[in-house]
Amino acid sequence: MTVRKFAIADAAFERSPGQTADVYAGNVVDQRDGAPVTIGYGRYGPDQSIDEHIVVDDVMIVLEGRISVASADGTVTAGSGEIIHMPKGSQVTIRSHEEGAVTAYVTYPHWQQPEG
């Protein structure tokens, strides 16, 4: 593998699987690259909310806006430059605030299975 850098323009965004909210994810590195992790960007419209069962360890870095994640342990809110870790097995509600949000993420292992 070679060293590479990415920008949000490199991500091909698609709606999060099974969701109807204005929430999109775009992988820039995943199993198709032979990497053990998935790396990508997330884009959340204003005041959006999704419920997820976290099936991988998921690290979310907030680049713009704010994100709140509610779980059985309570709610954490992160703003620009802050990181949220969602452990595998967590049941969470991820919510953006009035300004929406842009995030970067790293998951281990891959959150999305390849087609085919």
PDB file of N, CA and C in Angstrom:
ATOM      1  N   MET A   1       0.841  -1.178   0.000  1.00  0.00           N
ATOM      2  CA  MET A   1       0.000   0.000   0.000  1.00  0.00           C
ATOM      3  C   MET A   1       0.888   1.244   0.000  1.00  0.00           C
ATOM      4  N   THR A   2       0.394   2.276  -0.624  1.00  0.00           N
ATOM      5  CA  THR A   2       1.140   3.524  -0.680  1.00  0.00           C
ATOM      6  C   THR A   2       0.522   4.552   0.259  1.00  0.00           C
ATOM      7  N   VAL A   3       1.306   5.524   0.634  1.00  0.00           N
ATOM      8  CA  VAL A   3       0.829   6.626   1.468  1.00  0.00           C
ATOM      9  C   VAL A   3      -0.013   7.545   0.592  1.00  0.00           C
ATOM     10  N   ARG A   4      -1.201   7.884   1.069  1.00  0.00           N
ATOM     11  CA  ARG A   4      -2.104   8.756   0.305  1.00  0.00           C
ATOM     12  C   ARG A   4      -2.726   9.779   1.238  1.00  0.00           C
ATOM     13  N   LYS A   5      -3.242  10.853   0.676  1.00  0.00           N
ATOM     14  CA  LYS A   5      -4.016  11.816   1.457  1.00  0.00           C
ATOM     15  C   LYS A   5      -5.368  11.982   0.781  1.00  0.00           C
ATOM     16  N   PHE A   6      -6.352  12.446   1.556  1.00  0.00           N
ATOM     17  CA  PHE A   6      -7.708  12.569   1.054  1.00  0.00           C
ATOM     18  C   PHE A   6      -8.318  13.890   1.481  1.00  0.00           C
ATOM     19  N   ALA A   7      -9.273  14.341   0.689  1.00  0.00           N
ATOM     20  CA  ALA A   7     -10.101  15.499   1.009  1.00  0.00           C
ATOM     21  C   ALA A   7     -11.551  15.064   0.875  1.00  0.00           C
ATOM     22  N   ILE A   8     -12.441  15.831   1.444  1.00  0.00           N
ATOM     23  CA  ILE A   8     -13.859  15.469   1.394  1.00  0.00           C
ATOM     24  C   ILE A   8     -14.350  15.331  -0.052  1.00  0.00           C
ATOM     25  N   ALA A   9     -13.753  16.051  -0.977  1.00  0.00           N
ATOM     26  CA  ALA A   9     -14.138  15.954  -2.389  1.00  0.00           C
ATOM     27  C   ALA A   9     -13.841  14.573  -2.976  1.00  0.00           C
ATOM     28  N   ASP A  10     -12.987  13.787  -2.323  1.00  0.00           N
ATOM     29  CA  ASP A  10     -12.655  12.444  -2.802  1.00  0.00           C
ATOM     30  C   ASP A  10     -13.724  11.409  -2.451  1.00  0.00           C
ATOM     31  N   ALA A  11     -14.633  11.748  -1.561  1.00  0.00           N
ATOM     32  CA  ALA A  11     -15.655  10.794  -1.091  1.00  0.00           C
ATOM     33  C   ALA A  11     -16.870  10.799  -2.010  1.00  0.00           C
ATOM     34  N   ALA A  12     -17.338   9.606  -2.356  1.00  0.00           N
ATOM     35  CA  ALA A  12     -18.599   9.443  -3.095  1.00  0.00           C
ATOM     36  C   ALA A  12     -19.672   9.139  -2.053  1.00  0.00           C
ATOM     37  N   PHE A  13     -20.468  10.136  -1.715  1.00  0.00           N
ATOM     38  CA  PHE A  13     -21.437  10.004  -0.618  1.00  0.00           C
ATOM     39  C   PHE A  13     -22.658   9.210  -1.034  1.00  0.00           C
ATOM     40  N   GLU A  14     -23.136   8.389  -0.097  1.00  0.00           N
ATOM     41  CA  GLU A  14     -24.401   7.668  -0.271  1.00  0.00           C
ATOM     42  C   GLU A  14     -25.115   7.659   1.065  1.00  0.00           C
ATOM     43  N   ARG A  15     -26.428   7.569   1.003  1.00  0.00           N
ATOM     44  CA  ARG A  15     -27.230   7.554   2.237  1.00  0.00           C
ATOM     45  C   ARG A  15     -26.837   6.340   3.074  1.00  0.00           C
ATOM     46  N   SER A  16     -26.788   6.558   4.372  1.00  0.00           N
ATOM     47  CA  SER A  16     -26.472   5.458   5.277  1.00  0.00           C
ATOM     48  C   SER A  16     -27.477   4.330   5.067  1.00  0.00           C
ATOM     49  N   PRO A  17     -27.005   3.072   5.014  1.00  0.00           N
ATOM     50  CA  PRO A  17     -27.891   1.937   4.737  1.00  0.00           C
ATOM     51  C   PRO A  17     -29.068   1.863   5.693  1.00  0.00           C
ATOM     52  N   GLY A  18     -30.262   1.675   5.148  1.00  0.00           N
ATOM     53  CA  GLY A  18     -31.469   1.521   5.945  1.00  0.00           C
ATOM     54  C   GLY A  18     -32.008   2.806   6.543  1.00  0.00           C
ATOM     55  N   GLN A  19     -31.430   3.940   6.195  1.00  0.00           N
ATOM     56  CA  GLN A  19     -31.839   5.209   6.784  1.00  0.00           C
ATOM     57  C   GLN A  19     -32.535   6.088   5.749  1.00  0.00           C
ATOM     58  N   THR A  20     -33.406   6.963   6.226  1.00  0.00           N
ATOM     59  CA  THR A  20     -34.072   7.915   5.339  1.00  0.00           C
ATOM     60  C   THR A  20     -33.688   9.357   5.675  1.00  0.00           C
ATOM     61  N   ALA A  21     -32.904   9.549   6.721  1.00  0.00           N
ATOM     62  CA  ALA A  21     -32.495  10.892   7.142  1.00  0.00           C
ATOM     63  C   ALA A  21     -31.502  11.475   6.135  1.00  0.00           C
ATOM     64  N   ASP A  22     -31.284  12.771   6.241  1.00  0.00           N
ATOM     65  CA  ASP A  22     -30.316  13.479   5.409  1.00  0.00           C
ATOM     66  C   ASP A  22     -28.923  13.263   5.997  1.00  0.00           C
ATOM     67  N   VAL A  23     -28.476  11.985   5.953  1.00  0.00           N
ATOM     68  CA  VAL A  23     -27.192  11.564   6.504  1.00  0.00           C
ATOM     69  C   VAL A  23     -26.512  10.688   5.463  1.00  0.00           C
ATOM     70  N   TYR A  24     -25.272  11.043   5.130  1.00  0.00           N
ATOM     71  CA  TYR A  24     -24.558  10.357   4.053  1.00  0.00           C
ATOM     72  C   TYR A  24     -23.150   9.995   4.501  1.00  0.00           C
ATOM     73  N   ALA A  25     -22.649   8.889   3.977  1.00  0.00           N
ATOM     74  CA  ALA A  25     -21.292   8.436   4.260  1.00  0.00           C
ATOM     75  C   ALA A  25     -20.568   8.216   2.942  1.00  0.00           C
ATOM     76  N   GLY A  26     -19.270   8.458   2.955  1.00  0.00           N
ATOM     77  CA  GLY A  26     -18.459   8.233   1.764  1.00  0.00           C
ATOM     78  C   GLY A  26     -17.099   7.681   2.145  1.00  0.00           C
ATOM     79  N   ASN A  27     -16.890   6.399   1.874  1.00  0.00           N
ATOM     80  CA  ASN A  27     -15.596   5.777   2.165  1.00  0.00           C
ATOM     81  C   ASN A  27     -14.533   6.288   1.188  1.00  0.00           C
ATOM     82  N   VAL A  28     -13.328   6.485   1.701  1.00  0.00           N
ATOM     83  CA  VAL A  28     -12.191   6.777   0.829  1.00  0.00           C
ATOM     84  C   VAL A  28     -11.173   5.650   0.871  1.00  0.00           C
ATOM     85  N   VAL A  29     -11.211   4.827   1.926  1.00  0.00           N
ATOM     86  CA  VAL A  29     -10.387   3.624   2.040  1.00  0.00           C
ATOM     87  C   VAL A  29     -11.270   2.553   2.654  1.00  0.00           C
ATOM     88  N   ASP A  30     -11.221   1.344   2.079  1.00  0.00           N
ATOM     89  CA  ASP A  30     -11.953   0.229   2.674  1.00  0.00           C
ATOM     90  C   ASP A  30     -11.348  -1.081   2.208  1.00  0.00           C
ATOM     91  N   GLN A  31     -12.091  -2.170   2.356  1.00  0.00           N
ATOM     92  CA  GLN A  31     -11.571  -3.494   2.037  1.00  0.00           C
ATOM     93  C   GLN A  31     -11.135  -3.626   0.575  1.00  0.00           C
ATOM     94  N   ARG A  32     -11.701  -2.824  -0.302  1.00  0.00           N
ATOM     95  CA  ARG A  32     -11.295  -2.873  -1.718  1.00  0.00           C
ATOM     96  C   ARG A  32      -9.861  -2.411  -1.909  1.00  0.00           C
ATOM     97  N   ASP A  33      -9.339  -1.681  -0.929  1.00  0.00           N
ATOM     98  CA  ASP A  33      -7.958  -1.199  -0.977  1.00  0.00           C
ATOM     99  C   ASP A  33      -6.994  -2.136  -0.251  1.00  0.00           C
ATOM    100  N   GLY A  34      -7.522  -3.191   0.343  1.00  0.00           N
ATOM    101  CA  GLY A  34      -6.688  -4.118   1.095  1.00  0.00           C
ATOM    102  C   GLY A  34      -6.341  -3.623   2.491  1.00  0.00           C
ATOM    103  N   ALA A  35      -7.011  -2.586   2.940  1.00  0.00           N
ATOM    104  CA  ALA A  35      -6.755  -2.022   4.270  1.00  0.00           C
ATOM    105  C   ALA A  35      -7.564  -2.770   5.325  1.00  0.00           C
ATOM    106  N   PRO A  36      -7.078  -2.843   6.565  1.00  0.00           N
ATOM    107  CA  PRO A  36      -7.837  -3.497   7.631  1.00  0.00           C
ATOM    108  C   PRO A  36      -8.906  -2.597   8.252  1.00  0.00           C
ATOM    109  N   VAL A  37      -8.908  -1.309   7.889  1.00  0.00           N
ATOM    110  CA  VAL A  37      -9.863  -0.341   8.432  1.00  0.00           C
ATOM    111  C   VAL A  37     -10.607   0.335   7.284  1.00  0.00           C
ATOM    112  N   THR A  38     -11.747   0.932   7.619  1.00  0.00           N
ATOM    113  CA  THR A  38     -12.454   1.799   6.681  1.00  0.00           C
ATOM    114  C   THR A  38     -12.263   3.229   7.158  1.00  0.00           C
ATOM    115  N   ILE A  39     -11.967   4.119   6.214  1.00  0.00           N
ATOM    116  CA  ILE A  39     -11.792   5.543   6.500  1.00  0.00           C
ATOM    117  C   ILE A  39     -12.710   6.300   5.558  1.00  0.00           C
ATOM    118  N   GLY A  40     -13.404   7.312   6.072  1.00  0.00           N
ATOM    119  CA  GLY A  40     -14.285   8.073   5.203  1.00  0.00           C
ATOM    120  C   GLY A  40     -14.779   9.345   5.852  1.00  0.00           C
ATOM    121  N   TYR A  41     -15.750   9.950   5.186  1.00  0.00           N
ATOM    122  CA  TYR A  41     -16.363  11.193   5.634  1.00  0.00           C
ATOM    123  C   TYR A  41     -17.859  10.988   5.798  1.00  0.00           C
ATOM    124  N   GLY A  42     -18.444  11.715   6.744  1.00  0.00           N
ATOM    125  CA  GLY A  42     -19.888  11.721   6.928  1.00  0.00           C
ATOM    126  C   GLY A  42     -20.414  13.133   6.753  1.00  0.00           C
ATOM    127  N   ARG A  43     -21.626  13.229   6.245  1.00  0.00           N
ATOM    128  CA  ARG A  43     -22.265  14.534   6.061  1.00  0.00           C
ATOM    129  C   ARG A  43     -23.680  14.450   6.624  1.00  0.00           C
ATOM    130  N   TYR A  44     -24.006  15.325   7.559  1.00  0.00           N
ATOM    131  CA  TYR A  44     -25.291  15.338   8.252  1.00  0.00           C
ATOM    132  C   TYR A  44     -25.989  16.655   7.972  1.00  0.00           C
ATOM    133  N   GLY A  45     -27.219  16.599   7.493  1.00  0.00           N
ATOM    134  CA  GLY A  45     -28.015  17.804   7.345  1.00  0.00           C
ATOM    135  C   GLY A  45     -28.394  18.343   8.713  1.00  0.00           C
ATOM    136  N   PRO A  46     -28.975  19.539   8.768  1.00  0.00           N
ATOM    137  CA  PRO A  46     -29.388  20.121  10.048  1.00  0.00           C
ATOM    138  C   PRO A  46     -30.460  19.278  10.749  1.00  0.00           C
ATOM    139  N   ASP A  47     -30.310  19.130  12.063  1.00  0.00           N
ATOM    140  CA  ASP A  47     -31.314  18.471  12.906  1.00  0.00           C
ATOM    141  C   ASP A  47     -31.730  17.092  12.396  1.00  0.00           C
ATOM    142  N   GLN A  48     -30.756  16.261  12.073  1.00  0.00           N
ATOM    143  CA  GLN A  48     -31.024  14.900  11.616  1.00  0.00           C
ATOM    144  C   GLN A  48     -30.721  13.911  12.731  1.00  0.00           C
ATOM    145  N   SER A  49     -31.377  12.758  12.702  1.00  0.00           N
ATOM    146  CA  SER A  49     -31.198  11.755  13.736  1.00  0.00           C
ATOM    147  C   SER A  49     -31.286  10.369  13.113  1.00  0.00           C
ATOM    148  N   ILE A  50     -30.343   9.490  13.473  1.00  0.00           N
ATOM    149  CA  ILE A  50     -30.396   8.100  13.023  1.00  0.00           C
ATOM    150  C   ILE A  50     -30.130   7.182  14.211  1.00  0.00           C
ATOM    151  N   ASP A  51     -30.788   6.039  14.207  1.00  0.00           N
ATOM    152  CA  ASP A  51     -30.569   5.002  15.214  1.00  0.00           C
ATOM    153  C   ASP A  51     -29.715   3.924  14.581  1.00  0.00           C
ATOM    154  N   GLU A  52     -28.665   3.519  15.289  1.00  0.00           N
ATOM    155  CA  GLU A  52     -27.724   2.526  14.756  1.00  0.00           C
ATOM    156  C   GLU A  52     -27.339   1.519  15.826  1.00  0.00           C
ATOM    157  N   HIS A  53     -27.211   0.269  15.408  1.00  0.00           N
ATOM    158  CA  HIS A  53     -26.545  -0.746  16.224  1.00  0.00           C
ATOM    159  C   HIS A  53     -25.129  -0.808  15.667  1.00  0.00           C
ATOM    160  N   ILE A  54     -24.141  -0.444  16.467  1.00  0.00           N
ATOM    161  CA  ILE A  54     -22.760  -0.348  16.008  1.00  0.00           C
ATOM    162  C   ILE A  54     -22.167  -1.756  15.932  1.00  0.00           C
ATOM    163  N   VAL A  55     -21.834  -2.205  14.725  1.00  0.00           N
ATOM    164  CA  VAL A  55     -21.354  -3.571  14.516  1.00  0.00           C
ATOM    165  C   VAL A  55     -19.838  -3.647  14.397  1.00  0.00           C
ATOM    166  N   VAL A  56     -19.167  -2.488  14.470  1.00  0.00           N
ATOM    167  CA  VAL A  56     -17.705  -2.403  14.423  1.00  0.00           C
ATOM    168  C   VAL A  56     -17.275  -1.328  15.426  1.00  0.00           C
ATOM    169  N   ASP A  57     -16.013  -1.273  15.774  1.00  0.00           N
ATOM    170  CA  ASP A  57     -15.540  -0.123  16.540  1.00  0.00           C
ATOM    171  C   ASP A  57     -15.495   1.072  15.601  1.00  0.00           C
ATOM    172  N   ASP A  58     -16.129   2.156  15.997  1.00  0.00           N
ATOM    173  CA  ASP A  58     -16.312   3.321  15.132  1.00  0.00           C
ATOM    174  C   ASP A  58     -15.775   4.565  15.835  1.00  0.00           C
ATOM    175  N   VAL A  59     -14.855   5.247  15.182  1.00  0.00           N
ATOM    176  CA  VAL A  59     -14.299   6.502  15.687  1.00  0.00           C
ATOM    177  C   VAL A  59     -14.752   7.608  14.750  1.00  0.00           C
ATOM    178  N   MET A  60     -15.407   8.621  15.289  1.00  0.00           N
ATOM    179  CA  MET A  60     -15.922   9.742  14.505  1.00  0.00           C
ATOM    180  C   MET A  60     -15.221  11.020  14.945  1.00  0.00           C
ATOM    181  N   ILE A  61     -14.625  11.726  13.982  1.00  0.00           N
ATOM    182  CA  ILE A  61     -13.964  13.002  14.240  1.00  0.00           C
ATOM    183  C   ILE A  61     -14.858  14.091  13.664  1.00  0.00           C
ATOM    184  N   VAL A  62     -15.297  15.024  14.493  1.00  0.00           N
ATOM    185  CA  VAL A  62     -16.165  16.103  14.026  1.00  0.00           C
ATOM    186  C   VAL A  62     -15.283  17.189  13.398  1.00  0.00           C
ATOM    187  N   LEU A  63     -15.545  17.473  12.123  1.00  0.00           N
ATOM    188  CA  LEU A  63     -14.786  18.492  11.399  1.00  0.00           C
ATOM    189  C   LEU A  63     -15.508  19.832  11.381  1.00  0.00           C
ATOM    190  N   GLU A  64     -16.828  19.792  11.274  1.00  0.00           N
ATOM    191  CA  GLU A  64     -17.661  20.998  11.265  1.00  0.00           C
ATOM    192  C   GLU A  64     -18.957  20.691  11.993  1.00  0.00           C
ATOM    193  N   GLY A  65     -19.535  21.672  12.652  1.00  0.00           N
ATOM    194  CA  GLY A  65     -20.819  21.502  13.327  1.00  0.00           C
ATOM    195  C   GLY A  65     -20.671  20.754  14.637  1.00  0.00           C
ATOM    196  N   ARG A  66     -21.781  20.131  15.057  1.00  0.00           N
ATOM    197  CA  ARG A  66     -21.822  19.368  16.302  1.00  0.00           C
ATOM    198  C   ARG A  66     -22.595  18.085  16.081  1.00  0.00           C
ATOM    199  N   ILE A  67     -22.196  17.040  16.789  1.00  0.00           N
ATOM    200  CA  ILE A  67     -22.856  15.733  16.773  1.00  0.00           C
ATOM    201  C   ILE A  67     -23.077  15.302  18.214  1.00  0.00           C
ATOM    202  N   SER A  68     -24.274  14.794  18.511  1.00  0.00           N
ATOM    203  CA  SER A  68     -24.553  14.176  19.807  1.00  0.00           C
ATOM    204  C   SER A  68     -24.813  12.697  19.579  1.00  0.00           C
ATOM    205  N   VAL A  69     -24.275  11.874  20.464  1.00  0.00           N
ATOM    206  CA  VAL A  69     -24.501  10.432  20.401  1.00  0.00           C
ATOM    207  C   VAL A  69     -25.071  10.007  21.745  1.00  0.00           C
ATOM    208  N   ALA A  70     -26.292   9.475  21.697  1.00  0.00           N
ATOM    209  CA  ALA A  70     -26.956   8.981  22.902  1.00  0.00           C
ATOM    210  C   ALA A  70     -26.882   7.461  22.925  1.00  0.00           C
ATOM    211  N   SER A  71     -26.573   6.916  24.101  1.00  0.00           N
ATOM    212  CA  SER A  71     -26.534   5.465  24.290  1.00  0.00           C
ATOM    213  C   SER A  71     -27.071   5.166  25.686  1.00  0.00           C
ATOM    214  N   ALA A  72     -27.042   3.914  26.060  1.00  0.00           N
ATOM    215  CA  ALA A  72     -27.493   3.530  27.402  1.00  0.00           C
ATOM    216  C   ALA A  72     -26.648   4.197  28.483  1.00  0.00           C
ATOM    217  N   ASP A  73     -25.443   4.640  28.133  1.00  0.00           N
ATOM    218  CA  ASP A  73     -24.543   5.279  29.096  1.00  0.00           C
ATOM    219  C   ASP A  73     -24.762   6.774  29.221  1.00  0.00           C
ATOM    220  N   GLY A  74     -25.647   7.357  28.407  1.00  0.00           N
ATOM    221  CA  GLY A  74     -25.873   8.801  28.432  1.00  0.00           C
ATOM    222  C   GLY A  74     -25.622   9.399  27.058  1.00  0.00           C
ATOM    223  N   THR A  75     -25.457  10.717  27.010  1.00  0.00           N
ATOM    224  CA  THR A  75     -25.262  11.433  25.750  1.00  0.00           C
ATOM    225  C   THR A  75     -23.961  12.204  25.799  1.00  0.00           C
ATOM    226  N   VAL A  76     -23.202  12.115  24.707  1.00  0.00           N
ATOM    227  CA  VAL A  76     -22.003  12.937  24.548  1.00  0.00           C
ATOM    228  C   VAL A  76     -22.212  13.816  23.324  1.00  0.00           C
ATOM    229  N   THR A  77     -21.718  15.044  23.398  1.00  0.00           N
ATOM    230  CA  THR A  77     -21.791  15.973  22.274  1.00  0.00           C
ATOM    231  C   THR A  77     -20.381  16.417  21.945  1.00  0.00           C
ATOM    232  N   ALA A  78     -20.051  16.397  20.654  1.00  0.00           N
ATOM    233  CA  ALA A  78     -18.722  16.798  20.211  1.00  0.00           C
ATOM    234  C   ALA A  78     -18.847  17.860  19.132  1.00  0.00           C
ATOM    235  N   GLY A  79     -17.917  18.811  19.173  1.00  0.00           N
ATOM    236  CA  GLY A  79     -17.838  19.862  18.164  1.00  0.00           C
ATOM    237  C   GLY A  79     -16.556  19.729  17.365  1.00  0.00           C
ATOM    238  N   SER A  80     -16.316  20.700  16.525  1.00  0.00           N
ATOM    239  CA  SER A  80     -15.165  20.689  15.639  1.00  0.00           C
ATOM    240  C   SER A  80     -13.869  20.383  16.389  1.00  0.00           C
ATOM    241  N   GLY A  81     -13.142  19.380  15.887  1.00  0.00           N
ATOM    242  CA  GLY A  81     -11.873  18.980  16.487  1.00  0.00           C
ATOM    243  C   GLY A  81     -11.989  17.942  17.581  1.00  0.00           C
ATOM    244  N   GLU A  82     -13.212  17.529  17.922  1.00  0.00           N
ATOM    245  CA  GLU A  82     -13.403  16.530  18.969  1.00  0.00           C
ATOM    246  C   GLU A  82     -13.741  15.169  18.363  1.00  0.00           C
ATOM    247  N   ILE A  83     -13.519  14.121  19.154  1.00  0.00           N
ATOM    248  CA  ILE A  83     -13.635  12.734  18.693  1.00  0.00           C
ATOM    249  C   ILE A  83     -14.624  11.987  19.572  1.00  0.00           C
ATOM    250  N   ILE A  84     -15.441  11.146  18.924  1.00  0.00           N
ATOM    251  CA  ILE A  84     -16.364  10.255  19.637  1.00  0.00           C
ATOM    252  C   ILE A  84     -16.016   8.822  19.255  1.00  0.00           C
ATOM    253  N   HIS A  85     -15.894   7.949  20.258  1.00  0.00           N
ATOM    254  CA  HIS A  85     -15.690   6.516  20.011  1.00  0.00           C
ATOM    255  C   HIS A  85     -16.976   5.784  20.343  1.00  0.00           C
ATOM    256  N   MET A  86     -17.469   4.995  19.388  1.00  0.00           N
ATOM    257  CA  MET A  86     -18.654   4.173  19.600  1.00  0.00           C
ATOM    258  C   MET A  86     -18.208   2.712  19.542  1.00  0.00           C
ATOM    259  N   PRO A  87     -18.140   2.045  20.699  1.00  0.00           N
ATOM    260  CA  PRO A  87     -17.660   0.669  20.728  1.00  0.00           C
ATOM    261  C   PRO A  87     -18.617  -0.297  20.024  1.00  0.00           C
ATOM    262  N   LYS A  88     -18.046  -1.318  19.474  1.00  0.00           N
ATOM    263  CA  LYS A  88     -18.817  -2.392  18.855  1.00  0.00           C
ATOM    264  C   LYS A  88     -19.858  -2.902  19.848  1.00  0.00           C
ATOM    265  N   GLY A  89     -21.075  -3.091  19.353  1.00  0.00           N
ATOM    266  CA  GLY A  89     -22.167  -3.600  20.176  1.00  0.00           C
ATOM    267  C   GLY A  89     -23.063  -2.524  20.767  1.00  0.00           C
ATOM    268  N   SER A  90     -22.658  -1.257  20.645  1.00  0.00           N
ATOM    269  CA  SER A  90     -23.465  -0.166  21.199  1.00  0.00           C
ATOM    270  C   SER A  90     -24.730   0.056  20.374  1.00  0.00           C
ATOM    271  N   GLN A  91     -25.805   0.404  21.055  1.00  0.00           N
ATOM    272  CA  GLN A  91     -27.028   0.872  20.406  1.00  0.00           C
ATOM    273  C   GLN A  91     -27.039   2.373  20.617  1.00  0.00           C
ATOM    274  N   VAL A  92     -27.018   3.148  19.520  1.00  0.00           N
ATOM    275  CA  VAL A  92     -26.873   4.602  19.648  1.00  0.00           C
ATOM    276  C   VAL A  92     -27.888   5.342  18.782  1.00  0.00           C
ATOM    277  N   THR A  93     -28.128   6.574  19.170  1.00  0.00           N
ATOM    278  CA  THR A  93     -28.832   7.539  18.337  1.00  0.00           C
ATOM    279  C   THR A  93     -27.839   8.657  18.064  1.00  0.00           C
ATOM    280  N   ILE A  94     -27.563   8.882  16.790  1.00  0.00           N
ATOM    281  CA  ILE A  94     -26.628   9.936  16.381  1.00  0.00           C
ATOM    282  C   ILE A  94     -27.465  11.096  15.872  1.00  0.00           C
ATOM    283  N   ARG A  95     -27.190  12.293  16.410  1.00  0.00           N
ATOM    284  CA  ARG A  95     -28.002  13.458  16.064  1.00  0.00           C
ATOM    285  C   ARG A  95     -27.106  14.636  15.713  1.00  0.00           C
ATOM    286  N   SER A  96     -27.442  15.282  14.609  1.00  0.00           N
ATOM    287  CA  SER A  96     -26.788  16.546  14.273  1.00  0.00           C
ATOM    288  C   SER A  96     -27.618  17.680  14.861  1.00  0.00           C
ATOM    289  N   HIS A  97     -27.027  18.844  14.947  1.00  0.00           N
ATOM    290  CA  HIS A  97     -27.700  20.014  15.508  1.00  0.00           C
ATOM    291  C   HIS A  97     -28.095  20.958  14.375  1.00  0.00           C
ATOM    292  N   GLU A  98     -28.561  22.148  14.731  1.00  0.00           N
ATOM    293  CA  GLU A  98     -29.146  23.060  13.736  1.00  0.00           C
ATOM    294  C   GLU A  98     -28.203  23.418  12.593  1.00  0.00           C
ATOM    295  N   GLU A  99     -26.892  23.347  12.813  1.00  0.00           N
ATOM    296  CA  GLU A  99     -25.956  23.706  11.754  1.00  0.00           C
ATOM    297  C   GLU A  99     -25.528  22.521  10.887  1.00  0.00           C
ATOM    298  N   GLY A 100     -26.035  21.315  11.189  1.00  0.00           N
ATOM    299  CA  GLY A 100     -25.576  20.124  10.473  1.00  0.00           C
ATOM    300  C   GLY A 100     -24.158  19.786  10.906  1.00  0.00           C
ATOM    301  N   ALA A 101     -23.527  18.835  10.224  1.00  0.00           N
ATOM    302  CA  ALA A 101     -22.170  18.445  10.609  1.00  0.00           C
ATOM    303  C   ALA A 101     -21.456  17.735   9.465  1.00  0.00           C
ATOM    304  N   VAL A 102     -20.150  17.831   9.510  1.00  0.00           N
ATOM    305  CA  VAL A 102     -19.265  17.054   8.641  1.00  0.00           C
ATOM    306  C   VAL A 102     -18.313  16.312   9.570  1.00  0.00           C
ATOM    307  N   THR A 103     -18.131  15.027   9.310  1.00  0.00           N
ATOM    308  CA  THR A 103     -17.272  14.206  10.148  1.00  0.00           C
ATOM    309  C   THR A 103     -16.293  13.426   9.278  1.00  0.00           C
ATOM    310  N   ALA A 104     -15.266  12.922   9.907  1.00  0.00           N
ATOM    311  CA  ALA A 104     -14.410  11.894   9.323  1.00  0.00           C
ATOM    312  C   ALA A 104     -14.563  10.683  10.231  1.00  0.00           C
ATOM    313  N   TYR A 105     -14.379   9.480   9.686  1.00  0.00           N
ATOM    314  CA  TYR A 105     -14.521   8.291  10.518  1.00  0.00           C
ATOM    315  C   TYR A 105     -13.480   7.249  10.160  1.00  0.00           C
ATOM    316  N   VAL A 106     -13.202   6.411  11.151  1.00  0.00           N
ATOM    317  CA  VAL A 106     -12.369   5.227  10.980  1.00  0.00           C
ATOM    318  C   VAL A 106     -13.098   4.101  11.683  1.00  0.00           C
ATOM    319  N   THR A 107     -13.287   2.990  10.991  1.00  0.00           N
ATOM    320  CA  THR A 107     -13.913   1.827  11.625  1.00  0.00           C
ATOM    321  C   THR A 107     -12.991   0.617  11.509  1.00  0.00           C
ATOM    322  N   TYR A 108     -13.095  -0.241  12.511  1.00  0.00           N
ATOM    323  CA  TYR A 108     -12.380  -1.519  12.478  1.00  0.00           C
ATOM    324  C   TYR A 108     -13.315  -2.582  13.012  1.00  0.00           C
ATOM    325  N   PRO A 109     -13.521  -3.655  12.298  1.00  0.00           N
ATOM    326  CA  PRO A 109     -13.154  -3.814  10.887  1.00  0.00           C
ATOM    327  C   PRO A 109     -14.075  -2.962  10.010  1.00  0.00           C
ATOM    328  N   HIS A 110     -14.309  -3.395   8.805  1.00  0.00           N
ATOM    329  CA  HIS A 110     -15.102  -2.633   7.838  1.00  0.00           C
ATOM    330  C   HIS A 110     -16.576  -2.619   8.208  1.00  0.00           C
ATOM    331  N   TRP A 111     -17.214  -1.442   8.109  1.00  0.00           N
ATOM    332  CA  TRP A 111     -18.628  -1.335   8.450  1.00  0.00           C
ATOM    333  C   TRP A 111     -19.517  -1.779   7.300  1.00  0.00           C
ATOM    334  N   GLN A 112     -19.013  -1.772   6.098  1.00  0.00           N
ATOM    335  CA  GLN A 112     -19.826  -2.055   4.918  1.00  0.00           C
ATOM    336  C   GLN A 112     -19.266  -3.276   4.196  1.00  0.00           C
ATOM    337  N   GLN A 113     -20.130  -4.194   3.859  1.00  0.00           N
ATOM    338  CA  GLN A 113     -19.697  -5.383   3.139  1.00  0.00           C
ATOM    339  C   GLN A 113     -19.665  -5.093   1.637  1.00  0.00           C
ATOM    340  N   PRO A 114     -18.679  -5.654   0.930  1.00  0.00           N
ATOM    341  CA  PRO A 114     -18.620  -5.400  -0.511  1.00  0.00           C
ATOM    342  C   PRO A 114     -19.791  -6.035  -1.233  1.00  0.00           C
ATOM    343  N   GLU A 115     -20.193  -5.403  -2.328  1.00  0.00           N
ATOM    344  CA  GLU A 115     -21.275  -5.957  -3.153  1.00  0.00           C
ATOM    345  C   GLU A 115     -20.729  -7.126  -3.938  1.00  0.00           C
ATOM    346  N   GLY A 116     -21.638  -8.040  -4.239  1.00  0.00           N
ATOM    347  CA  GLY A 116     -21.212  -9.132  -5.107  1.00  0.00           C
ATOM    348  C   GLY A 116     -21.275 -10.390  -4.468  1.00  0.00           C
TER     349      GLY A 116
END
